[in-house]
Amino acid sequence: MFTFLRNPSLLFIIVSLPVPVVTDNLALLVIDVQNCFLPTGTLPVTEGDLVIPIINEIRQNYDNLFSLVVFSQDWHCGNHVSFASQHNGKNPYDTTVLHYNSTGNLCESTCEAQYNITQVLWPDHCIKNTADAKFASNITRKSSDVVVQKGYHCKIDSYSAFFDNGEFSQTELNTKLKEKNVDTVIIVGLALDYCVYYTAKDAKKLGYKVFVVQDAARAVANATSIDALHDMKERGVHIVQSSQMPDLMEKLTSSGNIPQCFHLIWYIAAFVISRRLAFF
């Protein structure tokens, strides 16, 4: 039954087959592009609105290549512990140290503190169920997008879209990514030096390949932005610009991400298979 395999054209047929393509499963993480962080919001990020057209363009060009698009949403209670208004004698952008016990509960009077977390105190912002906490009206959103809320625990902040700042609890983000077999995340949004930064760090720690699109993010302050960018690079997070997206997406979603040696191995394997089959 294998007589036809002795045909000399067999090798040509096999090596002409497409080389298997190993692509990354990608997710786009859009971090906190909400009214509260826009220039007219309660915690304005300078030029925060300028990330919107860049993010929209990324979606317009590459939406079909993402296995998942996730929007994180800061979602605070009105008396959140990160608000300067909740700390006597403190002003916005001051810092304080919050103490937590072994179970992650805030020590509001006396307790045996196991964790000490430095907290930047913010203006009241992104209070849940207010217009301030809504997503920017002109950012592209689709019914298939997943929304992950964070910061809703009143006694601890949550910069990262994965964990609160003490890593006492986590959001559903990692589970959602795993359900889609995502291995690579591209992160955009606000603010570069806080929520984007902490999300990128946690994504890397969880084993994802991580890209931050720098011009699709803006920072609260230049100094903390410089530090965040340096630390992300040190941790292996890739910092890219939106102008690099065509090459990046080509690399991540086509045979461009297969080492050249793999092509050679494929052809050698095809030759060996053809020779072995020819003996039948």
Protein backbone atom coordinates (compact mmCIF):
# COMPACT_ATOMS: atom_id res chain seq x y z
CA MET A 1 0.00 0.00 0.00
CA PHE A 2 2.99 2.28 0.37
CA THR A 3 4.38 1.63 -3.11
CA PHE A 4 3.52 5.19 -4.16
CA LEU A 5 5.88 6.49 -1.46
CA ARG A 6 8.83 5.33 -3.55
CA ASN A 7 8.03 8.10 -5.97
CA PRO A 8 11.04 10.47 -6.22
CA SER A 9 8.74 13.44 -5.89
CA LEU A 10 7.91 12.49 -2.29
CA LEU A 11 10.69 14.53 -0.74
CA PHE A 12 9.68 17.58 -2.74
CA ILE A 13 6.07 17.20 -1.60
CA ILE A 14 6.97 16.88 2.07
CA VAL A 15 9.44 19.74 2.23
CA SER A 16 6.93 21.90 0.36
CA LEU A 17 4.48 21.58 3.23
CA PRO A 18 4.18 24.73 5.36
CA VAL A 19 6.57 24.96 8.27
CA PRO A 20 4.56 24.66 11.50
CA VAL A 21 3.89 28.11 12.90
CA VAL A 22 4.16 28.63 16.65
CA THR A 23 2.40 31.86 17.59
CA ASP A 24 2.05 33.63 20.90
CA ASN A 25 -1.42 33.89 22.43
CA LEU A 26 -1.73 37.61 23.00
CA ALA A 27 -3.80 39.75 25.32
CA LEU A 28 -4.09 43.52 25.33
CA LEU A 29 -4.34 44.96 28.85
CA VAL A 30 -5.80 48.48 28.90
CA ILE A 31 -5.06 49.86 32.33
CA ASP A 32 -7.37 52.39 34.02
CA VAL A 33 -8.24 54.65 31.08
CA GLN A 34 -10.98 56.26 33.15
CA ASN A 35 -12.36 59.77 33.50
CA CYS A 36 -10.69 60.16 36.88
CA PHE A 37 -7.23 59.97 35.30
CA LEU A 38 -7.91 62.24 32.34
CA PRO A 39 -6.96 65.96 32.47
CA THR A 40 -10.44 66.93 33.70
CA GLY A 41 -10.62 64.14 36.28
CA THR A 42 -10.11 64.01 40.02
CA LEU A 43 -6.59 62.60 39.76
CA PRO A 44 -5.46 64.01 36.42
CA VAL A 45 -2.51 62.44 34.64
CA THR A 46 -0.80 64.97 32.38
CA GLU A 47 -1.67 64.21 28.74
CA GLY A 48 -3.59 61.14 29.89
CA ASP A 49 -6.11 61.71 27.12
CA LEU A 50 -3.38 61.38 24.47
CA VAL A 51 -3.10 57.65 25.03
CA ILE A 52 -6.65 57.10 23.76
CA PRO A 53 -6.09 57.54 19.99
CA ILE A 54 -2.96 55.37 20.18
CA ILE A 55 -4.82 52.58 21.98
CA ASN A 56 -7.71 52.89 19.53
CA GLU A 57 -5.29 52.57 16.61
CA ILE A 58 -3.71 49.47 18.13
CA ARG A 59 -7.14 47.91 18.39
CA GLN A 60 -8.12 48.96 14.89
CA ASN A 61 -5.00 47.39 13.40
CA TYR A 62 -4.55 44.28 15.52
CA ASP A 63 -7.75 43.44 17.39
CA ASN A 64 -8.15 40.17 15.50
CA LEU A 65 -4.74 39.04 16.78
CA PHE A 66 -5.62 39.34 20.47
CA SER A 67 -7.08 36.31 22.21
CA LEU A 68 -8.40 38.67 24.88
CA VAL A 69 -8.72 42.40 25.53
CA VAL A 70 -8.97 43.38 29.18
CA PHE A 71 -9.86 46.76 30.69
CA SER A 72 -8.85 47.26 34.30
CA GLN A 73 -10.94 49.72 36.31
CA ASP A 74 -9.97 51.48 39.52
CA TRP A 75 -13.07 51.06 41.70
CA HIS A 76 -12.74 52.69 45.12
CA CYS A 77 -15.11 53.11 48.01
CA GLY A 78 -15.70 56.70 49.17
CA ASN A 79 -13.53 56.34 52.28
CA HIS A 80 -10.69 54.42 50.70
CA VAL A 81 -7.51 54.17 52.76
CA SER A 82 -5.43 55.60 49.89
CA PHE A 83 -7.29 58.93 50.00
CA ALA A 84 -5.49 61.80 51.72
CA SER A 85 -8.88 62.94 53.01
CA GLN A 86 -8.93 59.90 55.30
CA HIS A 87 -5.69 60.84 57.09
CA ASN A 88 -5.60 63.81 59.45
CA GLY A 89 -2.93 66.35 58.61
CA LYS A 90 -2.06 64.72 55.28
CA ASN A 91 -2.26 66.24 51.82
CA PRO A 92 -2.56 64.63 48.41
CA TYR A 93 0.74 63.10 47.24
CA ASP A 94 2.07 62.82 50.80
CA THR A 95 3.04 59.32 51.86
CA THR A 96 2.27 57.25 54.92
CA VAL A 97 3.05 53.73 56.10
CA LEU A 98 0.14 51.35 56.54
CA HIS A 99 0.50 48.37 58.86
CA TYR A 100 -1.20 45.02 58.26
CA ASN A 101 -1.41 41.88 60.39
CA SER A 102 -0.60 38.37 59.26
CA THR A 103 -4.02 37.90 57.66
CA GLY A 104 -3.79 41.12 55.66
CA ASN A 105 -6.09 43.21 57.85
CA LEU A 106 -5.21 46.86 58.40
CA CYS A 107 -3.98 47.70 61.90
CA GLU A 108 -6.24 50.65 62.62
CA SER A 109 -5.39 50.80 66.33
CA THR A 110 -2.98 48.33 67.88
CA CYS A 111 -2.10 44.97 66.43
CA GLU A 112 0.92 42.86 65.67
CA ALA A 113 2.00 44.25 62.32
CA GLN A 114 3.52 41.76 59.91
CA TYR A 115 3.52 43.91 56.79
CA ASN A 116 4.41 47.58 56.38
CA ILE A 117 3.34 49.14 53.10
CA THR A 118 4.25 52.65 52.02
CA GLN A 119 1.19 54.33 50.57
CA VAL A 120 1.02 57.42 48.39
CA LEU A 121 -2.02 59.41 49.48
CA TRP A 122 -4.16 60.46 46.57
CA PRO A 123 -6.98 62.89 45.99
CA ASP A 124 -10.37 61.17 46.25
CA HIS A 125 -10.76 59.54 42.85
CA CYS A 126 -12.44 56.77 40.85
CA ILE A 127 -15.19 56.28 43.41
CA LYS A 128 -17.31 53.36 42.27
CA ASN A 129 -20.62 54.01 40.54
CA THR A 130 -19.70 57.62 39.70
CA ALA A 131 -19.10 59.25 36.33
CA ASP A 132 -15.52 59.87 37.43
CA ALA A 133 -14.87 56.11 37.54
CA LYS A 134 -16.30 55.38 34.10
CA PHE A 135 -14.09 54.52 31.17
CA ALA A 136 -13.20 57.35 28.80
CA SER A 137 -16.11 57.78 26.43
CA ASN A 138 -13.95 57.87 23.29
CA ILE A 139 -11.90 54.74 23.89
CA THR A 140 -12.77 51.75 21.72
CA ARG A 141 -14.62 49.08 23.64
CA LYS A 142 -16.38 45.94 22.47
CA SER A 143 -18.84 43.52 24.02
CA SER A 144 -16.19 40.80 24.05
CA ASP A 145 -13.84 42.88 26.24
CA VAL A 146 -13.34 41.75 29.82
CA VAL A 147 -13.49 44.29 32.67
CA VAL A 148 -11.40 43.62 35.76
CA GLN A 149 -12.09 45.91 38.71
CA LYS A 150 -9.46 46.60 41.33
CA GLY A 151 -8.98 48.75 44.42
CA TYR A 152 -12.44 47.90 45.74
CA HIS A 153 -11.09 46.69 49.09
CA CYS A 154 -11.43 49.80 51.21
CA LYS A 155 -8.42 49.14 53.44
CA ILE A 156 -5.72 48.48 50.86
CA ASP A 157 -4.80 49.97 47.50
CA SER A 158 -4.33 48.02 44.29
CA TYR A 159 -2.07 49.48 41.62
CA SER A 160 -1.70 46.17 39.80
CA ALA A 161 -4.53 44.65 37.82
CA PHE A 162 -3.46 41.28 39.27
CA PHE A 163 -2.99 41.81 43.03
CA ASP A 164 -3.60 44.33 45.77
CA ASN A 165 -0.50 46.17 47.02
CA GLY A 166 0.13 43.64 49.76
CA GLU A 167 -0.62 40.64 47.54
CA PHE A 168 -3.21 39.58 50.11
CA SER A 169 -5.81 39.05 47.38
CA GLN A 170 -5.92 38.86 43.65
CA THR A 171 -8.33 39.81 40.90
CA GLU A 172 -9.67 37.39 38.32
CA LEU A 173 -7.21 38.67 35.67
CA ASN A 174 -4.72 35.80 35.83
CA THR A 175 -7.55 33.27 35.67
CA LYS A 176 -9.07 34.99 32.63
CA LEU A 177 -5.72 34.98 30.84
CA LYS A 178 -5.10 31.32 31.63
CA GLU A 179 -8.56 30.39 30.34
CA LYS A 180 -7.52 31.80 26.95
CA ASN A 181 -4.04 30.23 27.13
CA VAL A 182 -2.49 33.67 26.94
CA ASP A 183 1.29 33.72 27.25
CA THR A 184 2.07 37.28 26.15
CA VAL A 185 0.54 40.56 27.32
CA ILE A 186 0.79 44.00 25.76
CA ILE A 187 0.09 46.71 28.31
CA VAL A 188 -1.12 50.27 27.72
CA GLY A 189 -2.90 52.91 29.78
CA LEU A 190 -2.57 54.95 32.96
CA ALA A 191 -0.47 55.61 34.78
CA LEU A 192 2.90 54.42 33.52
CA ASP A 193 4.67 54.84 36.86
CA TYR A 194 2.00 53.19 39.01
CA CYS A 195 -0.74 50.93 37.69
CA VAL A 196 0.90 50.10 34.36
CA TYR A 197 4.22 49.52 36.13
CA TYR A 198 2.82 47.28 38.88
CA THR A 199 0.72 45.31 36.39
CA ALA A 200 3.77 44.73 34.20
CA LYS A 201 5.86 43.60 37.18
CA ASP A 202 3.22 41.14 38.31
CA ALA A 203 2.63 39.82 34.79
CA LYS A 204 6.34 39.12 34.45
CA LYS A 205 6.43 37.45 37.86
CA LEU A 206 3.51 35.24 36.83
CA GLY A 207 5.46 34.03 33.82
CA TYR A 208 4.01 36.08 30.97
CA LYS A 209 6.05 37.67 28.23
CA VAL A 210 5.40 41.39 28.77
CA PHE A 211 5.47 44.40 26.46
CA VAL A 212 4.63 47.95 27.57
CA VAL A 213 3.82 50.43 24.82
CA GLN A 214 5.42 53.54 26.27
CA ASP A 215 3.73 56.19 24.13
CA ALA A 216 0.36 54.53 24.83
CA ALA A 217 0.88 55.33 28.51
CA ARG A 218 1.48 58.47 30.55
CA ALA A 219 2.98 58.97 33.99
CA VAL A 220 2.01 60.86 37.13
CA ALA A 221 5.52 62.29 37.46
CA ASN A 222 8.69 62.25 35.42
CA ALA A 223 10.98 61.07 38.23
CA THR A 224 8.87 58.03 39.10
CA SER A 225 8.43 57.31 35.39
CA ILE A 226 12.19 57.10 34.89
CA ASP A 227 12.53 54.77 37.86
CA ALA A 228 9.64 52.60 36.69
CA LEU A 229 10.99 52.25 33.16
CA HIS A 230 14.43 51.33 34.47
CA ASP A 231 13.03 48.72 36.85
CA MET A 232 10.77 47.19 34.22
CA LYS A 233 13.70 46.79 31.83
CA GLU A 234 15.77 45.22 34.60
CA ARG A 235 12.98 42.70 35.18
CA GLY A 236 12.82 41.73 31.52
CA VAL A 237 9.77 43.75 30.53
CA HIS A 238 10.05 44.93 26.93
CA ILE A 239 9.47 48.67 26.45
CA VAL A 240 8.31 49.50 22.93
CA GLN A 241 6.76 52.38 21.01
CA SER A 242 3.56 52.21 18.99
CA SER A 243 5.62 52.75 15.83
CA GLN A 244 7.20 49.35 16.50
CA MET A 245 3.87 47.54 16.68
CA PRO A 246 3.83 46.31 13.04
CA ASP A 247 7.17 44.54 13.43
CA LEU A 248 6.32 43.35 16.94
CA MET A 249 2.98 41.87 15.96
CA GLU A 250 4.51 40.22 12.91
CA LYS A 251 7.14 38.64 15.13
CA LEU A 252 4.66 37.46 17.75
CA THR A 253 1.99 36.10 15.42
CA SER A 254 3.83 34.55 12.46
CA SER A 255 6.72 32.28 11.62
CA GLY A 256 8.92 35.29 12.23
CA ASN A 257 9.15 34.16 15.84
CA ILE A 258 10.54 30.76 14.88
CA PRO A 259 14.35 30.52 14.97
CA GLN A 260 15.90 29.95 11.56
CA CYS A 261 17.45 26.72 12.80
CA PHE A 262 13.92 25.34 13.23
CA HIS A 263 13.34 25.62 9.49
CA LEU A 264 16.47 23.58 8.83
CA ILE A 265 15.44 20.97 11.40
CA TRP A 266 12.02 20.75 9.72
CA TYR A 267 13.53 20.06 6.31
CA ILE A 268 15.96 17.48 7.70
CA ALA A 269 13.11 15.74 9.53
CA ALA A 270 11.04 15.72 6.35
CA PHE A 271 13.93 14.13 4.44
CA VAL A 272 14.43 11.44 7.09
CA ILE A 273 10.70 10.66 7.16
CA SER A 274 10.60 10.37 3.39
CA ARG A 275 13.57 7.98 3.33
CA ARG A 276 12.06 5.77 6.04
CA LEU A 277 8.65 5.67 4.35
CA ALA A 278 10.30 4.75 1.07
CA PHE A 279 11.32 1.39 2.51
CA PHE A 280 7.71 0.26 2.98
